[in-house]
Structure formats: C-alpha cells, structure tokens
C-alpha cells in the first residue's frame, strides 16, 4: 500500500517536472525567435508550410497527419534559429509523441512573417503558449483571433 502511494507521488512529480521543462523550452524558443526578429525584421519564414511540430509531419500544408517522429522536420522553419546561431539545438517535448509535442505556427501571409504561436499540451491539464500577434483579427486563417486561442483550438 505504501509503495503505491510513493509511486503515485513520484509519477505526479515527474509529470510536473516535464511540464516545467515544456515551459522552459517554449521560453527558450520564444527568446531565440525574438533575437531572430531583431536581426532580420521578421520571424522565421515558412520554408514549406506555416506549421511545424516536434514529432515531424507528412509535409502536407492543408491537413497534416503527424507521425510519431522524434524531431522537428528537416525543413522546419525553426531550424533557422539553429543555423543562425540563436540556439544550439531545437528542444523536443520530454515525451514527444502524438499527444505531447511542441507546435510552431507562423503567420505565413506575405514574405515577412510577423505573427507566431508556440504551443504545448501539459500533463497537468490545459496547454501553454508563447506568441506574437501584430495585425489582423484572424490568426493565420485559423478562424482564431490570436495565438492563445489558436493553441487552445489545436490542443
């Protein structure tokens, strides 16, 4: 009986630690995005699609079916942060599966993206997000008014 209580407490502590890491990872990416913006006058531009995940994807811009990959796609917009020297590597979710992963959505209208959303689901419930919204009332054609509502809709 005591071992069950200890195990439950340990699992809860591990989930909280993973949620804290998710927050730290999104903060790190958001900081690197701001440094990129300061240098280039825009956020990382869409190489292929306006969205990327830490579990990869099938390359389809309209209806992606996410695989259970182990890393960001090789053509991820966020890879510009590594090649530009703004961060050493792209972090991935501590679990990084089809339930728990990081998502990056860039406002990809025009050639100089000004809006973005970073999202992650929390094991404790809900989600966390980082983002910028400079213009318009419809975030990236999603029907959502801002990055927070966008993340809420996808998670």
N, C-alpha and C. Protein backbone atom coordinates (compact mmCIF):
# COMPACT_ATOMS: atom_id res chain seq x y z
N UNK A 1 0.82 -1.18 0.00
CA UNK A 1 0.00 0.00 0.00
C UNK A 1 0.87 1.26 0.00
N UNK A 2 1.86 1.27 0.88
CA UNK A 2 2.75 2.43 0.95
C UNK A 2 3.50 2.63 -0.36
N UNK A 3 3.90 1.53 -0.99
CA UNK A 3 4.62 1.65 -2.26
C UNK A 3 3.73 2.24 -3.35
N UNK A 4 2.43 1.98 -3.31
CA UNK A 4 1.50 2.56 -4.29
C UNK A 4 1.42 4.07 -4.12
N UNK A 5 1.37 4.53 -2.88
CA UNK A 5 1.31 5.96 -2.59
C UNK A 5 2.60 6.65 -3.04
N UNK A 6 3.72 6.04 -2.74
CA UNK A 6 5.02 6.59 -3.13
C UNK A 6 5.13 6.65 -4.65
N UNK A 7 4.72 5.60 -5.33
CA UNK A 7 4.78 5.56 -6.79
C UNK A 7 3.88 6.62 -7.41
N UNK A 8 2.69 6.80 -6.88
CA UNK A 8 1.78 7.82 -7.39
C UNK A 8 2.37 9.21 -7.19
N UNK A 9 2.97 9.46 -6.04
CA UNK A 9 3.60 10.76 -5.77
C UNK A 9 4.78 10.99 -6.70
N UNK A 10 5.55 9.95 -6.94
CA UNK A 10 6.70 10.05 -7.83
C UNK A 10 6.25 10.34 -9.26
N UNK A 11 5.22 9.66 -9.73
CA UNK A 11 4.71 9.91 -11.08
C UNK A 11 4.17 11.33 -11.22
N UNK A 12 3.49 11.83 -10.19
CA UNK A 12 2.99 13.20 -10.22
C UNK A 12 4.14 14.21 -10.26
N UNK A 13 5.17 13.96 -9.50
CA UNK A 13 6.34 14.85 -9.50
C UNK A 13 7.02 14.84 -10.86
N UNK A 14 7.11 13.68 -11.48
CA UNK A 14 7.73 13.59 -12.81
C UNK A 14 6.91 14.37 -13.85
N UNK A 15 5.60 14.25 -13.80
CA UNK A 15 4.74 14.99 -14.74
C UNK A 15 4.91 16.50 -14.54
N UNK A 16 4.97 16.94 -13.30
CA UNK A 16 5.18 18.36 -13.03
C UNK A 16 6.53 18.83 -13.54
N UNK A 17 7.55 18.00 -13.39
CA UNK A 17 8.88 18.35 -13.89
C UNK A 17 8.87 18.45 -15.42
N UNK A 18 8.17 17.52 -16.09
CA UNK A 18 8.09 17.59 -17.55
C UNK A 18 7.33 18.85 -17.98
N UNK A 19 6.27 19.22 -17.27
CA UNK A 19 5.53 20.45 -17.59
C UNK A 19 6.42 21.67 -17.41
N UNK A 20 7.25 21.68 -16.38
CA UNK A 20 8.18 22.80 -16.16
C UNK A 20 9.20 22.87 -17.30
N UNK A 21 9.65 21.72 -17.75
CA UNK A 21 10.58 21.70 -18.89
C UNK A 21 9.92 22.23 -20.15
N UNK A 22 8.67 21.88 -20.36
CA UNK A 22 7.93 22.39 -21.53
C UNK A 22 7.90 23.92 -21.51
N UNK A 23 7.62 24.47 -20.34
CA UNK A 23 7.59 25.93 -20.21
C UNK A 23 8.96 26.52 -20.51
N UNK A 24 10.01 25.93 -19.97
CA UNK A 24 11.37 26.42 -20.21
C UNK A 24 11.75 26.31 -21.69
N UNK A 25 11.38 25.20 -22.32
CA UNK A 25 11.70 25.01 -23.75
C UNK A 25 11.00 26.06 -24.61
N UNK A 26 9.71 26.29 -24.35
CA UNK A 26 8.99 27.29 -25.14
C UNK A 26 9.55 28.70 -24.89
N UNK A 27 9.96 28.98 -23.66
CA UNK A 27 10.61 30.26 -23.38
C UNK A 27 11.90 30.41 -24.17
N UNK A 28 12.69 29.33 -24.24
CA UNK A 28 13.96 29.36 -24.97
C UNK A 28 13.72 29.61 -26.46
N UNK A 29 12.75 28.91 -27.04
CA UNK A 29 12.44 29.11 -28.46
C UNK A 29 11.93 30.52 -28.70
N UNK A 30 11.03 31.00 -27.83
CA UNK A 30 10.48 32.35 -27.99
C UNK A 30 11.57 33.41 -27.90
N UNK A 31 12.51 33.24 -27.00
CA UNK A 31 13.62 34.19 -26.88
C UNK A 31 14.47 34.18 -28.15
N UNK A 32 14.76 32.99 -28.67
CA UNK A 32 15.53 32.88 -29.91
C UNK A 32 14.77 33.50 -31.07
N UNK A 33 13.46 33.32 -31.12
CA UNK A 33 12.65 33.95 -32.18
C UNK A 33 12.73 35.47 -32.11
N UNK A 34 12.74 36.03 -30.91
CA UNK A 34 12.84 37.48 -30.76
C UNK A 34 14.22 37.99 -31.21
N UNK A 35 15.28 37.24 -30.89
CA UNK A 35 16.61 37.61 -31.38
C UNK A 35 16.66 37.54 -32.90
N UNK A 36 16.06 36.50 -33.47
CA UNK A 36 16.00 36.36 -34.93
C UNK A 36 15.25 37.56 -35.52
N UNK A 37 14.13 37.93 -34.90
CA UNK A 37 13.33 39.06 -35.36
C UNK A 37 14.14 40.36 -35.30
N UNK A 38 14.86 40.57 -34.20
CA UNK A 38 15.68 41.78 -34.06
C UNK A 38 16.72 41.89 -35.17
N UNK A 39 17.29 40.76 -35.55
CA UNK A 39 18.32 40.78 -36.60
C UNK A 39 17.74 40.89 -38.00
N UNK A 40 16.59 40.24 -38.24
CA UNK A 40 16.07 40.09 -39.61
C UNK A 40 14.82 40.90 -39.92
N UNK A 41 14.17 41.43 -38.89
CA UNK A 41 12.95 42.22 -39.11
C UNK A 41 11.71 41.38 -39.34
N UNK A 42 11.80 40.09 -39.12
CA UNK A 42 10.66 39.17 -39.25
C UNK A 42 11.01 37.87 -38.54
N UNK A 43 9.98 37.07 -38.27
CA UNK A 43 10.21 35.76 -37.67
C UNK A 43 10.60 34.78 -38.77
N UNK A 44 11.02 33.58 -38.36
CA UNK A 44 11.44 32.59 -39.33
C UNK A 44 10.33 32.36 -40.35
N UNK A 45 10.66 32.43 -41.62
CA UNK A 45 9.67 32.34 -42.69
C UNK A 45 9.33 30.91 -43.03
N UNK A 46 8.17 30.73 -43.62
CA UNK A 46 7.75 29.37 -43.96
C UNK A 46 8.54 28.81 -45.15
N UNK A 47 9.30 27.74 -44.89
CA UNK A 47 10.01 27.06 -45.97
C UNK A 47 9.03 26.22 -46.79
N UNK A 48 8.14 25.54 -46.09
CA UNK A 48 7.17 24.68 -46.77
C UNK A 48 5.76 25.04 -46.33
N UNK A 49 5.49 24.88 -45.06
CA UNK A 49 4.16 25.15 -44.51
C UNK A 49 4.28 26.18 -43.41
N UNK A 50 3.17 26.63 -42.92
CA UNK A 50 3.18 27.59 -41.83
C UNK A 50 3.19 26.94 -40.47
N UNK A 51 3.28 25.62 -40.40
CA UNK A 51 3.27 24.95 -39.10
C UNK A 51 4.26 23.80 -39.08
N UNK A 52 4.84 23.60 -37.92
CA UNK A 52 5.79 22.52 -37.68
C UNK A 52 5.50 21.92 -36.32
N UNK A 53 5.87 20.66 -36.12
CA UNK A 53 5.76 20.04 -34.81
C UNK A 53 7.06 19.32 -34.48
N UNK A 54 7.27 19.09 -33.19
CA UNK A 54 8.47 18.39 -32.75
C UNK A 54 8.40 16.89 -33.03
N UNK A 55 7.29 16.41 -33.57
CA UNK A 55 7.19 14.99 -33.95
C UNK A 55 7.14 14.83 -35.46
N UNK A 56 7.53 15.86 -36.19
CA UNK A 56 7.58 15.77 -37.64
C UNK A 56 6.21 15.93 -38.26
N UNK A 57 6.04 15.42 -39.43
CA UNK A 57 4.78 15.52 -40.15
C UNK A 57 4.94 14.91 -41.53
N UNK A 58 3.88 14.99 -42.30
CA UNK A 58 3.93 14.37 -43.62
C UNK A 58 4.19 15.39 -44.73
N UNK A 59 4.40 16.65 -44.37
CA UNK A 59 4.69 17.66 -45.38
C UNK A 59 3.47 18.29 -46.00
N UNK A 60 2.28 17.83 -45.64
CA UNK A 60 1.06 18.38 -46.20
C UNK A 60 0.69 19.66 -45.46
N UNK A 61 0.49 20.74 -46.20
CA UNK A 61 0.17 22.01 -45.56
C UNK A 61 -1.30 22.11 -45.18
N UNK A 62 -2.17 21.43 -45.87
CA UNK A 62 -3.60 21.60 -45.63
C UNK A 62 -4.15 20.70 -44.54
N UNK A 63 -3.73 19.47 -44.51
CA UNK A 63 -4.23 18.57 -43.47
C UNK A 63 -3.11 17.62 -43.04
N UNK A 64 -2.20 18.13 -42.22
CA UNK A 64 -1.07 17.29 -41.83
C UNK A 64 -1.50 16.11 -40.97
N UNK A 65 -0.88 14.97 -41.21
CA UNK A 65 -1.08 13.82 -40.34
C UNK A 65 0.25 13.58 -39.66
N UNK A 66 0.32 13.88 -38.39
CA UNK A 66 1.60 13.86 -37.70
C UNK A 66 2.02 12.44 -37.38
N UNK A 67 3.24 12.17 -37.69
CA UNK A 67 3.81 10.87 -37.38
C UNK A 67 4.27 10.88 -35.93
N UNK A 68 4.81 9.80 -35.51
CA UNK A 68 5.40 9.78 -34.18
C UNK A 68 6.91 9.87 -34.35
N UNK A 69 7.34 10.85 -35.10
CA UNK A 69 8.76 11.09 -35.29
C UNK A 69 9.40 11.54 -34.00
N UNK A 70 10.70 11.70 -34.06
CA UNK A 70 11.42 12.03 -32.84
C UNK A 70 12.02 13.43 -32.87
N UNK A 71 11.76 14.20 -33.92
CA UNK A 71 12.40 15.51 -34.04
C UNK A 71 11.59 16.41 -34.96
N UNK A 72 11.95 17.68 -34.96
CA UNK A 72 11.36 18.63 -35.89
C UNK A 72 11.70 18.22 -37.32
N UNK A 73 10.85 18.51 -38.29
CA UNK A 73 11.18 18.16 -39.68
C UNK A 73 12.49 18.83 -40.11
N UNK A 74 13.16 18.22 -41.04
CA UNK A 74 14.43 18.79 -41.52
C UNK A 74 14.21 20.15 -42.18
N UNK A 75 13.00 20.42 -42.67
CA UNK A 75 12.71 21.71 -43.30
C UNK A 75 11.92 22.63 -42.37
N UNK A 76 11.96 22.35 -41.06
CA UNK A 76 11.23 23.18 -40.10
C UNK A 76 11.69 24.63 -40.17
N UNK A 77 10.73 25.54 -40.08
CA UNK A 77 11.04 26.97 -40.04
C UNK A 77 11.94 27.30 -38.85
N UNK A 78 11.82 26.54 -37.77
CA UNK A 78 12.61 26.83 -36.58
C UNK A 78 14.07 26.45 -36.73
N UNK A 79 14.42 25.64 -37.71
CA UNK A 79 15.83 25.27 -37.92
C UNK A 79 16.68 26.51 -38.21
N UNK A 80 16.04 27.59 -38.71
CA UNK A 80 16.76 28.84 -38.93
C UNK A 80 17.36 29.39 -37.63
N UNK A 81 16.75 29.06 -36.51
CA UNK A 81 17.27 29.52 -35.22
C UNK A 81 18.59 28.85 -34.88
N UNK A 82 18.74 27.60 -35.29
CA UNK A 82 19.99 26.87 -35.04
C UNK A 82 21.05 27.29 -36.05
N UNK A 83 20.70 27.28 -37.33
CA UNK A 83 21.69 27.65 -38.35
C UNK A 83 22.13 29.10 -38.21
N UNK A 84 21.26 29.96 -37.66
CA UNK A 84 21.62 31.36 -37.45
C UNK A 84 22.37 31.61 -36.15
N UNK A 85 22.57 30.56 -35.35
CA UNK A 85 23.32 30.69 -34.11
C UNK A 85 22.53 31.25 -32.94
N UNK A 86 21.20 31.24 -33.02
CA UNK A 86 20.37 31.78 -31.94
C UNK A 86 20.11 30.77 -30.83
N UNK A 87 20.29 29.49 -31.13
CA UNK A 87 20.20 28.43 -30.13
C UNK A 87 20.98 27.22 -30.64
N UNK A 88 21.52 26.41 -29.72
CA UNK A 88 22.37 25.29 -30.15
C UNK A 88 21.62 24.13 -30.80
N UNK A 89 20.40 23.89 -30.37
CA UNK A 89 19.58 22.79 -30.91
C UNK A 89 18.13 23.09 -30.59
N UNK A 90 17.23 22.50 -31.36
CA UNK A 90 15.80 22.66 -31.10
C UNK A 90 15.36 21.65 -30.04
N UNK A 91 14.76 22.12 -28.97
CA UNK A 91 14.28 21.18 -27.96
C UNK A 91 13.04 20.44 -28.45
N UNK A 92 12.84 19.25 -27.94
CA UNK A 92 11.62 18.49 -28.22
C UNK A 92 10.94 18.21 -26.89
N UNK A 93 9.65 17.93 -26.94
CA UNK A 93 8.88 17.63 -25.75
C UNK A 93 9.51 16.45 -25.00
N UNK A 94 9.47 16.45 -23.68
CA UNK A 94 10.07 15.34 -22.92
C UNK A 94 9.47 13.97 -23.26
N UNK A 95 8.21 13.92 -23.66
CA UNK A 95 7.60 12.66 -24.09
C UNK A 95 7.62 12.57 -25.61
N UNK A 96 7.26 13.64 -26.28
CA UNK A 96 7.32 13.78 -27.74
C UNK A 96 6.64 12.63 -28.48
N UNK A 97 5.33 12.57 -28.32
CA UNK A 97 4.52 11.60 -29.06
C UNK A 97 3.31 12.33 -29.64
N UNK A 98 2.33 11.61 -30.13
CA UNK A 98 1.20 12.26 -30.79
C UNK A 98 0.29 13.02 -29.81
N UNK A 99 0.47 12.85 -28.52
CA UNK A 99 -0.30 13.60 -27.52
C UNK A 99 0.50 14.78 -26.99
N UNK A 100 1.75 14.55 -26.66
CA UNK A 100 2.60 15.59 -26.08
C UNK A 100 3.72 15.93 -27.06
N UNK A 101 3.62 17.12 -27.64
CA UNK A 101 4.61 17.59 -28.60
C UNK A 101 4.55 19.11 -28.64
N UNK A 102 5.54 19.72 -29.30
CA UNK A 102 5.54 21.17 -29.47
C UNK A 102 5.05 21.49 -30.88
N UNK A 103 4.33 22.59 -30.99
CA UNK A 103 3.83 23.02 -32.29
C UNK A 103 4.21 24.49 -32.49
N UNK A 104 4.67 24.79 -33.70
CA UNK A 104 5.02 26.15 -34.10
C UNK A 104 4.18 26.52 -35.30
N UNK A 105 3.44 27.60 -35.17
CA UNK A 105 2.60 28.09 -36.28
C UNK A 105 3.04 29.51 -36.59
N UNK A 106 3.35 29.75 -37.84
CA UNK A 106 3.77 31.08 -38.27
C UNK A 106 2.68 31.69 -39.15
N UNK A 107 2.44 32.97 -38.96
CA UNK A 107 1.52 33.68 -39.86
C UNK A 107 2.26 33.81 -41.18
N UNK A 108 1.87 33.05 -42.17
CA UNK A 108 2.66 32.97 -43.39
C UNK A 108 2.06 33.72 -44.56
N UNK A 109 1.28 34.74 -44.27
CA UNK A 109 0.81 35.57 -45.37
C UNK A 109 1.84 36.66 -45.59
N UNK A 110 2.24 36.85 -46.81
CA UNK A 110 3.29 37.82 -47.10
C UNK A 110 4.66 37.19 -46.96
N UNK A 111 5.66 37.95 -47.29
CA UNK A 111 7.01 37.40 -47.29
C UNK A 111 7.76 37.67 -45.99
N UNK A 112 7.19 38.44 -45.07
CA UNK A 112 7.87 38.78 -43.83
C UNK A 112 6.97 38.47 -42.63
N UNK A 113 6.98 37.22 -42.18
CA UNK A 113 6.07 36.81 -41.10
C UNK A 113 6.23 37.66 -39.84
N UNK A 114 5.11 38.12 -39.32
CA UNK A 114 5.10 38.97 -38.14
C UNK A 114 4.42 38.32 -36.94
N UNK A 115 3.69 37.26 -37.12
CA UNK A 115 2.93 36.63 -36.05
C UNK A 115 3.35 35.16 -35.91
N UNK A 116 3.34 34.66 -34.68
CA UNK A 116 3.62 33.23 -34.49
C UNK A 116 2.94 32.74 -33.22
N UNK A 117 2.80 31.43 -33.12
CA UNK A 117 2.33 30.77 -31.91
C UNK A 117 3.19 29.54 -31.65
N UNK A 118 3.58 29.35 -30.41
CA UNK A 118 4.24 28.14 -29.94
C UNK A 118 3.29 27.51 -28.93
N UNK A 119 3.04 26.21 -29.05
CA UNK A 119 2.06 25.56 -28.17
C UNK A 119 2.61 24.24 -27.65
N UNK A 120 2.17 23.87 -26.45
CA UNK A 120 2.47 22.55 -25.89
C UNK A 120 1.35 22.16 -24.93
N UNK A 121 0.97 20.91 -24.98
CA UNK A 121 -0.04 20.38 -24.04
C UNK A 121 0.66 20.03 -22.73
N UNK A 122 -0.02 20.28 -21.62
CA UNK A 122 0.51 19.98 -20.30
C UNK A 122 -0.10 18.69 -19.75
N UNK A 123 0.71 17.93 -19.06
CA UNK A 123 0.21 16.71 -18.43
C UNK A 123 -0.73 17.03 -17.28
N UNK A 124 -0.54 18.20 -16.68
CA UNK A 124 -1.42 18.62 -15.59
C UNK A 124 -2.74 19.18 -16.08
N UNK A 125 -2.93 19.20 -17.39
CA UNK A 125 -4.16 19.72 -17.98
C UNK A 125 -3.93 21.05 -18.67
N UNK A 126 -4.63 21.28 -19.74
CA UNK A 126 -4.51 22.53 -20.48
C UNK A 126 -3.29 22.56 -21.38
N UNK A 127 -2.84 23.77 -21.67
CA UNK A 127 -1.73 23.96 -22.57
C UNK A 127 -0.98 25.22 -22.17
N UNK A 128 0.21 25.38 -22.70
CA UNK A 128 0.96 26.62 -22.56
C UNK A 128 1.21 27.16 -23.95
N UNK A 129 1.42 28.46 -24.03
CA UNK A 129 1.67 29.06 -25.33
C UNK A 129 2.57 30.27 -25.18
N UNK A 130 3.26 30.57 -26.24
CA UNK A 130 4.03 31.79 -26.41
C UNK A 130 3.68 32.29 -27.79
N UNK A 131 3.68 33.59 -28.00
CA UNK A 131 3.37 34.06 -29.34
C UNK A 131 3.38 35.56 -29.46
N UNK A 132 3.23 35.99 -30.70
CA UNK A 132 3.13 37.41 -31.04
C UNK A 132 2.01 37.57 -32.04
N UNK A 133 1.26 38.64 -31.90
CA UNK A 133 0.20 38.96 -32.85
C UNK A 133 0.26 40.45 -33.12
N UNK A 134 0.66 40.80 -34.32
CA UNK A 134 0.84 42.20 -34.66
C UNK A 134 -0.31 42.81 -35.44
N UNK A 135 -1.00 42.00 -36.20
CA UNK A 135 -2.02 42.61 -37.07
C UNK A 135 -3.14 41.64 -37.37
N UNK A 136 -4.28 42.19 -37.78
CA UNK A 136 -5.40 41.38 -38.24
C UNK A 136 -6.20 40.79 -37.09
N UNK A 137 -7.32 40.17 -37.45
CA UNK A 137 -8.20 39.59 -36.43
C UNK A 137 -8.36 38.09 -36.61
N UNK A 138 -7.65 37.50 -37.55
CA UNK A 138 -7.78 36.07 -37.82
C UNK A 138 -6.37 35.48 -37.90
N UNK A 139 -5.95 34.78 -36.85
CA UNK A 139 -4.59 34.26 -36.80
C UNK A 139 -4.38 33.18 -37.85
N UNK A 140 -3.63 33.48 -38.88
CA UNK A 140 -3.19 32.55 -39.91
C UNK A 140 -4.34 31.77 -40.56
N UNK A 141 -5.47 32.42 -40.73
CA UNK A 141 -6.60 31.76 -41.38
C UNK A 141 -7.24 30.68 -40.54
N UNK A 142 -6.89 30.60 -39.27
CA UNK A 142 -7.40 29.53 -38.41
C UNK A 142 -8.80 29.84 -37.89
N UNK A 143 -9.26 31.08 -38.08
CA UNK A 143 -10.53 31.48 -37.51
C UNK A 143 -10.39 31.93 -36.06
N UNK A 144 -9.20 31.82 -35.51
CA UNK A 144 -8.95 32.23 -34.13
C UNK A 144 -8.36 33.64 -34.13
N UNK A 145 -8.72 34.47 -33.13
CA UNK A 145 -8.28 35.86 -33.14
C UNK A 145 -6.83 36.08 -32.74
N UNK A 146 -6.20 35.11 -32.04
CA UNK A 146 -4.85 35.34 -31.55
C UNK A 146 -4.15 34.01 -31.29
N UNK A 147 -2.83 34.05 -31.00
CA UNK A 147 -2.11 32.79 -30.78
C UNK A 147 -2.64 31.95 -29.62
N UNK A 148 -3.08 32.57 -28.54
CA UNK A 148 -3.58 31.79 -27.41
C UNK A 148 -4.82 31.00 -27.80
N UNK A 149 -5.77 31.64 -28.48
CA UNK A 149 -6.97 30.93 -28.91
C UNK A 149 -6.65 29.87 -29.96
N UNK A 150 -5.64 30.15 -30.80
CA UNK A 150 -5.20 29.16 -31.78
C UNK A 150 -4.70 27.90 -31.05
N UNK A 151 -3.82 28.08 -30.07
CA UNK A 151 -3.27 26.93 -29.34
C UNK A 151 -4.39 26.16 -28.64
N UNK A 152 -5.33 26.89 -28.06
CA UNK A 152 -6.46 26.24 -27.41
C UNK A 152 -7.25 25.39 -28.40
N UNK A 153 -7.39 25.87 -29.61
CA UNK A 153 -8.16 25.14 -30.63
C UNK A 153 -7.43 23.89 -31.10
N UNK A 154 -6.10 23.93 -31.23
CA UNK A 154 -5.38 22.76 -31.74
C UNK A 154 -5.08 21.75 -30.64
N UNK A 155 -5.09 22.19 -29.39
CA UNK A 155 -4.86 21.25 -28.29
C UNK A 155 -6.15 21.03 -27.54
